[in-house]
Amino acid sequence: MLLDDASVEFHEFFERHYAELARLAHLLTGETDAADDLAADALVALWQHWDRLRQADHPLAYARGVVANLARGRIRSAVRERRRLTLFWSRSPEKVEGPDTAAVLDVRAALARLPYRKRACVVLRHALDLSEKDTAAALGISVGTVKSQTSKGMAELEKLLGARAAGNLVPGRRNR
């Protein structure tokens, strides 16, 4: 079976970037099983438009954006489902006396507590080491928004994890 140039290019793109896209999905959702599905769904969407995307300057940036949007949709669905279950099962609201120390100490749990855009900016900038420009392109937002959301996200992580622990998440970042 002979493959055309587009198929070969897409196969090479898939082989080079699938693992990174799955890792991005995992960091955004915190769900290992969902990460592979989201990366695969993103690549299916890319394949459907590959003739046009293969001519683009940065198809990987577009792919990251697709993963980010799919992750956001999955998170929103999960939040809605949790709210429905909470309303169904709770007779009276439970009072929480203090923060869940175990969750605060876990970086993934702390990331999960951040609003989506802050989490996405922190993950893309610090876990995937993307530039502000590449992060902005992946999320479809301005560089200024990336700067502010990353800064605010790191500040929230410092509150959740403590300044020393949050500073250790980012190589080269000094503790305050």
C-alpha atoms as a PDB file:
ATOM      1  CA  MET A   1       0.000   0.000   0.000  1.00  0.00           C
ATOM      2  CA  LEU A   2       1.442   3.333  -1.050  1.00  0.00           C
ATOM      3  CA  LEU A   3       0.873   6.338   1.153  1.00  0.00           C
ATOM      4  CA  ASP A   4       0.560   9.824  -0.257  1.00  0.00           C
ATOM      5  CA  ASP A   5       2.743  12.699   0.975  1.00  0.00           C
ATOM      6  CA  ALA A   6       0.050  14.028   3.314  1.00  0.00           C
ATOM      7  CA  SER A   7      -0.342  10.636   5.004  1.00  0.00           C
ATOM      8  CA  VAL A   8       3.397  10.271   5.443  1.00  0.00           C
ATOM      9  CA  GLU A   9       3.701  13.804   6.852  1.00  0.00           C
ATOM     10  CA  PHE A  10       0.832  13.242   9.260  1.00  0.00           C
ATOM     11  CA  HIS A  11       2.274   9.910  10.389  1.00  0.00           C
ATOM     12  CA  GLU A  12       5.610  11.624  11.097  1.00  0.00           C
ATOM     13  CA  PHE A  13       3.818  14.459  12.947  1.00  0.00           C
ATOM     14  CA  PHE A  14       1.892  11.874  14.988  1.00  0.00           C
ATOM     15  CA  GLU A  15       5.052   9.950  15.909  1.00  0.00           C
ATOM     16  CA  ARG A  16       6.919  13.130  16.918  1.00  0.00           C
ATOM     17  CA  HIS A  17       4.184  14.804  18.949  1.00  0.00           C
ATOM     18  CA  TYR A  18       1.676  12.264  20.283  1.00  0.00           C
ATOM     19  CA  ALA A  19       3.515  11.709  23.587  1.00  0.00           C
ATOM     20  CA  GLU A  20       3.823  15.457  24.233  1.00  0.00           C
ATOM     21  CA  LEU A  21       0.142  16.039  23.479  1.00  0.00           C
ATOM     22  CA  ALA A  22      -0.851  13.177  25.806  1.00  0.00           C
ATOM     23  CA  ARG A  23       1.398  14.619  28.521  1.00  0.00           C
ATOM     24  CA  LEU A  24      -0.200  18.041  28.077  1.00  0.00           C
ATOM     25  CA  ALA A  25      -3.667  16.492  28.363  1.00  0.00           C
ATOM     26  CA  HIS A  26      -2.620  14.623  31.508  1.00  0.00           C
ATOM     27  CA  LEU A  27      -1.238  17.748  33.138  1.00  0.00           C
ATOM     28  CA  LEU A  28      -4.358  19.749  32.274  1.00  0.00           C
ATOM     29  CA  THR A  29      -6.894  17.144  33.398  1.00  0.00           C
ATOM     30  CA  GLY A  30      -4.962  15.120  35.965  1.00  0.00           C
ATOM     31  CA  GLU A  31      -6.450  11.980  34.407  1.00  0.00           C
ATOM     32  CA  THR A  32      -4.043   9.417  32.974  1.00  0.00           C
ATOM     33  CA  ASP A  33      -6.714   7.462  31.112  1.00  0.00           C
ATOM     34  CA  ALA A  34      -8.268  10.572  29.596  1.00  0.00           C
ATOM     35  CA  ALA A  35      -4.905  11.909  28.418  1.00  0.00           C
ATOM     36  CA  ASP A  36      -4.473   9.294  25.692  1.00  0.00           C
ATOM     37  CA  ASP A  37      -8.077   9.722  24.567  1.00  0.00           C
ATOM     38  CA  LEU A  38      -7.771  13.512  24.391  1.00  0.00           C
ATOM     39  CA  ALA A  39      -4.492  13.356  22.473  1.00  0.00           C
ATOM     40  CA  ALA A  40      -6.000  10.831  20.053  1.00  0.00           C
ATOM     41  CA  ASP A  41      -9.148  12.930  19.605  1.00  0.00           C
ATOM     42  CA  ALA A  42      -7.007  15.995  18.912  1.00  0.00           C
ATOM     43  CA  LEU A  43      -4.981  14.120  16.308  1.00  0.00           C
ATOM     44  CA  VAL A  44      -8.154  12.844  14.628  1.00  0.00           C
ATOM     45  CA  ALA A  45      -9.340  16.458  14.402  1.00  0.00           C
ATOM     46  CA  LEU A  46      -5.974  17.464  12.948  1.00  0.00           C
ATOM     47  CA  TRP A  47      -6.075  14.659  10.395  1.00  0.00           C
ATOM     48  CA  GLN A  48      -9.498  15.820   9.182  1.00  0.00           C
ATOM     49  CA  HIS A  49      -7.953  19.195   8.288  1.00  0.00           C
ATOM     50  CA  TRP A  50      -4.396  18.035   7.589  1.00  0.00           C
ATOM     51  CA  ASP A  51      -4.322  19.268   3.975  1.00  0.00           C
ATOM     52  CA  ARG A  52      -4.777  22.809   5.254  1.00  0.00           C
ATOM     53  CA  LEU A  53      -2.802  22.449   8.522  1.00  0.00           C
ATOM     54  CA  ARG A  54       0.282  20.934   6.921  1.00  0.00           C
ATOM     55  CA  GLN A  55       0.795  24.256   5.150  1.00  0.00           C
ATOM     56  CA  ALA A  56       0.547  26.227   8.413  1.00  0.00           C
ATOM     57  CA  ASP A  57       3.650  27.653  10.069  1.00  0.00           C
ATOM     58  CA  HIS A  58       3.015  25.972  13.430  1.00  0.00           C
ATOM     59  CA  PRO A  59       0.709  22.943  13.298  1.00  0.00           C
ATOM     60  CA  LEU A  60       1.993  21.844  16.732  1.00  0.00           C
ATOM     61  CA  ALA A  61       0.719  25.071  18.292  1.00  0.00           C
ATOM     62  CA  TYR A  62      -2.673  24.376  16.741  1.00  0.00           C
ATOM     63  CA  ALA A  63      -2.544  20.799  18.078  1.00  0.00           C
ATOM     64  CA  ARG A  64      -1.789  22.056  21.593  1.00  0.00           C
ATOM     65  CA  GLY A  65      -4.745  24.407  21.331  1.00  0.00           C
ATOM     66  CA  VAL A  66      -7.026  21.552  20.289  1.00  0.00           C
ATOM     67  CA  VAL A  67      -5.839  19.472  23.264  1.00  0.00           C
ATOM     68  CA  ALA A  68      -6.344  22.436  25.603  1.00  0.00           C
ATOM     69  CA  ASN A  69      -9.883  22.976  24.311  1.00  0.00           C
ATOM     70  CA  LEU A  70     -10.758  19.286  24.586  1.00  0.00           C
ATOM     71  CA  ALA A  71      -9.355  19.209  28.124  1.00  0.00           C
ATOM     72  CA  ARG A  72     -11.376  22.274  29.060  1.00  0.00           C
ATOM     73  CA  GLY A  73     -14.534  20.597  27.784  1.00  0.00           C
ATOM     74  CA  ARG A  74     -13.765  17.432  29.741  1.00  0.00           C
ATOM     75  CA  ILE A  75     -13.124  19.420  32.924  1.00  0.00           C
ATOM     76  CA  ARG A  76     -16.348  21.377  32.499  1.00  0.00           C
ATOM     77  CA  SER A  77     -18.303  18.152  32.005  1.00  0.00           C
ATOM     78  CA  ALA A  78     -16.733  16.632  35.113  1.00  0.00           C
ATOM     79  CA  VAL A  79     -17.529  19.736  37.168  1.00  0.00           C
ATOM     80  CA  ARG A  80     -21.156  19.684  36.008  1.00  0.00           C
ATOM     81  CA  GLU A  81     -21.414  15.981  36.858  1.00  0.00           C
ATOM     82  CA  ARG A  82     -19.918  16.515  40.333  1.00  0.00           C
ATOM     83  CA  ARG A  83     -22.387  19.336  40.976  1.00  0.00           C
ATOM     84  CA  ARG A  84     -25.297  17.125  39.939  1.00  0.00           C
ATOM     85  CA  LEU A  85     -24.093  14.307  42.183  1.00  0.00           C
ATOM     86  CA  THR A  86     -23.526  16.675  45.086  1.00  0.00           C
ATOM     87  CA  LEU A  87     -27.015  18.117  44.740  1.00  0.00           C
ATOM     88  CA  PHE A  88     -28.489  14.642  44.502  1.00  0.00           C
ATOM     89  CA  TRP A  89     -26.693  13.111  47.481  1.00  0.00           C
ATOM     90  CA  SER A  90     -26.332  16.004  49.891  1.00  0.00           C
ATOM     91  CA  ARG A  91     -29.145  16.753  52.272  1.00  0.00           C
ATOM     92  CA  SER A  92     -27.337  19.582  53.952  1.00  0.00           C
ATOM     93  CA  PRO A  93     -24.084  21.261  53.062  1.00  0.00           C
ATOM     94  CA  GLU A  94     -21.013  19.896  54.783  1.00  0.00           C
ATOM     95  CA  LYS A  95     -18.842  22.335  56.675  1.00  0.00           C
ATOM     96  CA  VAL A  96     -15.133  22.245  56.023  1.00  0.00           C
ATOM     97  CA  GLU A  97     -13.019  23.313  58.970  1.00  0.00           C
ATOM     98  CA  GLY A  98      -9.670  23.709  57.235  1.00  0.00           C
ATOM     99  CA  PRO A  99      -7.758  22.971  54.071  1.00  0.00           C
ATOM    100  CA  ASP A 100      -7.076  19.399  53.073  1.00  0.00           C
ATOM    101  CA  THR A 101      -3.357  19.331  53.905  1.00  0.00           C
ATOM    102  CA  ALA A 102      -2.687  16.138  51.927  1.00  0.00           C
ATOM    103  CA  ALA A 103      -4.227  17.666  48.787  1.00  0.00           C
ATOM    104  CA  VAL A 104      -2.338  20.941  49.258  1.00  0.00           C
ATOM    105  CA  LEU A 105       0.969  19.079  49.400  1.00  0.00           C
ATOM    106  CA  ASP A 106       0.277  17.203  46.178  1.00  0.00           C
ATOM    107  CA  VAL A 107       1.237  19.293  43.171  1.00  0.00           C
ATOM    108  CA  ARG A 108      -1.347  17.674  40.926  1.00  0.00           C
ATOM    109  CA  ALA A 109      -4.084  18.352  43.420  1.00  0.00           C
ATOM    110  CA  ALA A 110      -2.890  21.940  43.754  1.00  0.00           C
ATOM    111  CA  LEU A 111      -2.886  22.353  39.961  1.00  0.00           C
ATOM    112  CA  ALA A 112      -6.392  20.906  39.811  1.00  0.00           C
ATOM    113  CA  ARG A 113      -7.542  23.646  42.197  1.00  0.00           C
ATOM    114  CA  LEU A 114      -6.432  26.386  39.825  1.00  0.00           C
ATOM    115  CA  PRO A 115      -8.933  27.807  37.351  1.00  0.00           C
ATOM    116  CA  TYR A 116      -8.449  26.317  33.898  1.00  0.00           C
ATOM    117  CA  ARG A 117      -6.682  29.239  32.196  1.00  0.00           C
ATOM    118  CA  LYS A 118      -4.201  29.734  35.049  1.00  0.00           C
ATOM    119  CA  ARG A 119      -3.510  25.994  35.139  1.00  0.00           C
ATOM    120  CA  ALA A 120      -3.030  25.833  31.376  1.00  0.00           C
ATOM    121  CA  CYS A 121      -0.616  28.780  31.415  1.00  0.00           C
ATOM    122  CA  VAL A 122       1.414  27.364  34.323  1.00  0.00           C
ATOM    123  CA  VAL A 123       1.565  23.891  32.754  1.00  0.00           C
ATOM    124  CA  LEU A 124       2.511  25.100  29.281  1.00  0.00           C
ATOM    125  CA  ARG A 125       5.089  27.597  30.554  1.00  0.00           C
ATOM    126  CA  HIS A 126       6.698  25.553  33.314  1.00  0.00           C
ATOM    127  CA  ALA A 127       5.969  21.860  32.706  1.00  0.00           C
ATOM    128  CA  LEU A 128       6.375  21.981  28.917  1.00  0.00           C
ATOM    129  CA  ASP A 129       8.790  24.941  28.992  1.00  0.00           C
ATOM    130  CA  LEU A 130       7.007  26.821  26.207  1.00  0.00           C
ATOM    131  CA  SER A 131       7.725  30.473  25.604  1.00  0.00           C
ATOM    132  CA  GLU A 132       5.074  33.059  26.415  1.00  0.00           C
ATOM    133  CA  LYS A 133       4.472  33.479  22.679  1.00  0.00           C
ATOM    134  CA  ASP A 134       4.018  29.726  22.088  1.00  0.00           C
ATOM    135  CA  THR A 135       1.742  29.446  25.116  1.00  0.00           C
ATOM    136  CA  ALA A 136      -0.371  32.329  23.829  1.00  0.00           C
ATOM    137  CA  ALA A 137      -0.626  30.667  20.408  1.00  0.00           C
ATOM    138  CA  ALA A 138      -1.624  27.316  21.899  1.00  0.00           C
ATOM    139  CA  LEU A 139      -4.361  28.835  24.039  1.00  0.00           C
ATOM    140  CA  GLY A 140      -5.505  31.508  21.589  1.00  0.00           C
ATOM    141  CA  ILE A 141      -4.862  34.359  24.036  1.00  0.00           C
ATOM    142  CA  SER A 142      -2.507  37.336  24.159  1.00  0.00           C
ATOM    143  CA  VAL A 143       1.048  37.226  25.495  1.00  0.00           C
ATOM    144  CA  GLY A 144       0.004  39.701  28.207  1.00  0.00           C
ATOM    145  CA  THR A 145      -2.745  37.360  29.334  1.00  0.00           C
ATOM    146  CA  VAL A 146      -0.233  34.496  29.457  1.00  0.00           C
ATOM    147  CA  LYS A 147       2.058  36.610  31.649  1.00  0.00           C
ATOM    148  CA  SER A 148      -0.670  37.645  34.068  1.00  0.00           C
ATOM    149  CA  GLN A 149      -2.347  34.222  34.265  1.00  0.00           C
ATOM    150  CA  THR A 150       0.994  32.466  34.794  1.00  0.00           C
ATOM    151  CA  SER A 151       1.970  34.924  37.507  1.00  0.00           C
ATOM    152  CA  LYS A 152      -1.388  34.628  39.247  1.00  0.00           C
ATOM    153  CA  GLY A 153      -1.354  30.831  38.898  1.00  0.00           C
ATOM    154  CA  MET A 154       2.099  30.578  40.463  1.00  0.00           C
ATOM    155  CA  ALA A 155       0.989  32.889  43.280  1.00  0.00           C
ATOM    156  CA  GLU A 156      -1.983  30.609  43.975  1.00  0.00           C
ATOM    157  CA  LEU A 157       0.278  27.553  43.914  1.00  0.00           C
ATOM    158  CA  GLU A 158       2.552  29.290  46.428  1.00  0.00           C
ATOM    159  CA  LYS A 159      -0.439  29.799  48.703  1.00  0.00           C
ATOM    160  CA  LEU A 160      -1.497  26.160  48.311  1.00  0.00           C
ATOM    161  CA  LEU A 161       1.933  24.561  48.504  1.00  0.00           C
ATOM    162  CA  GLY A 162       3.967  27.154  50.361  1.00  0.00           C
ATOM    163  CA  ALA A 163       6.469  29.484  48.733  1.00  0.00           C
ATOM    164  CA  ARG A 164       9.382  27.060  49.073  1.00  0.00           C
ATOM    165  CA  ALA A 165       7.556  24.106  47.508  1.00  0.00           C
ATOM    166  CA  ALA A 166       6.110  26.181  44.650  1.00  0.00           C
ATOM    167  CA  GLY A 167       9.505  27.744  43.971  1.00  0.00           C
ATOM    168  CA  ASN A 168      10.977  24.263  43.677  1.00  0.00           C
ATOM    169  CA  LEU A 169       8.488  23.439  40.901  1.00  0.00           C
ATOM    170  CA  VAL A 170      10.206  25.842  38.539  1.00  0.00           C
ATOM    171  CA  PRO A 171      13.922  25.428  37.834  1.00  0.00           C
ATOM    172  CA  GLY A 172      15.776  28.666  38.395  1.00  0.00           C
ATOM    173  CA  ARG A 173      12.909  30.299  40.300  1.00  0.00           C
ATOM    174  CA  ARG A 174      14.023  31.767  43.604  1.00  0.00           C
ATOM    175  CA  ASN A 175      11.944  31.501  46.727  1.00  0.00           C
ATOM    176  CA  ARG A 176      10.561  34.740  48.036  1.00  0.00           C
END
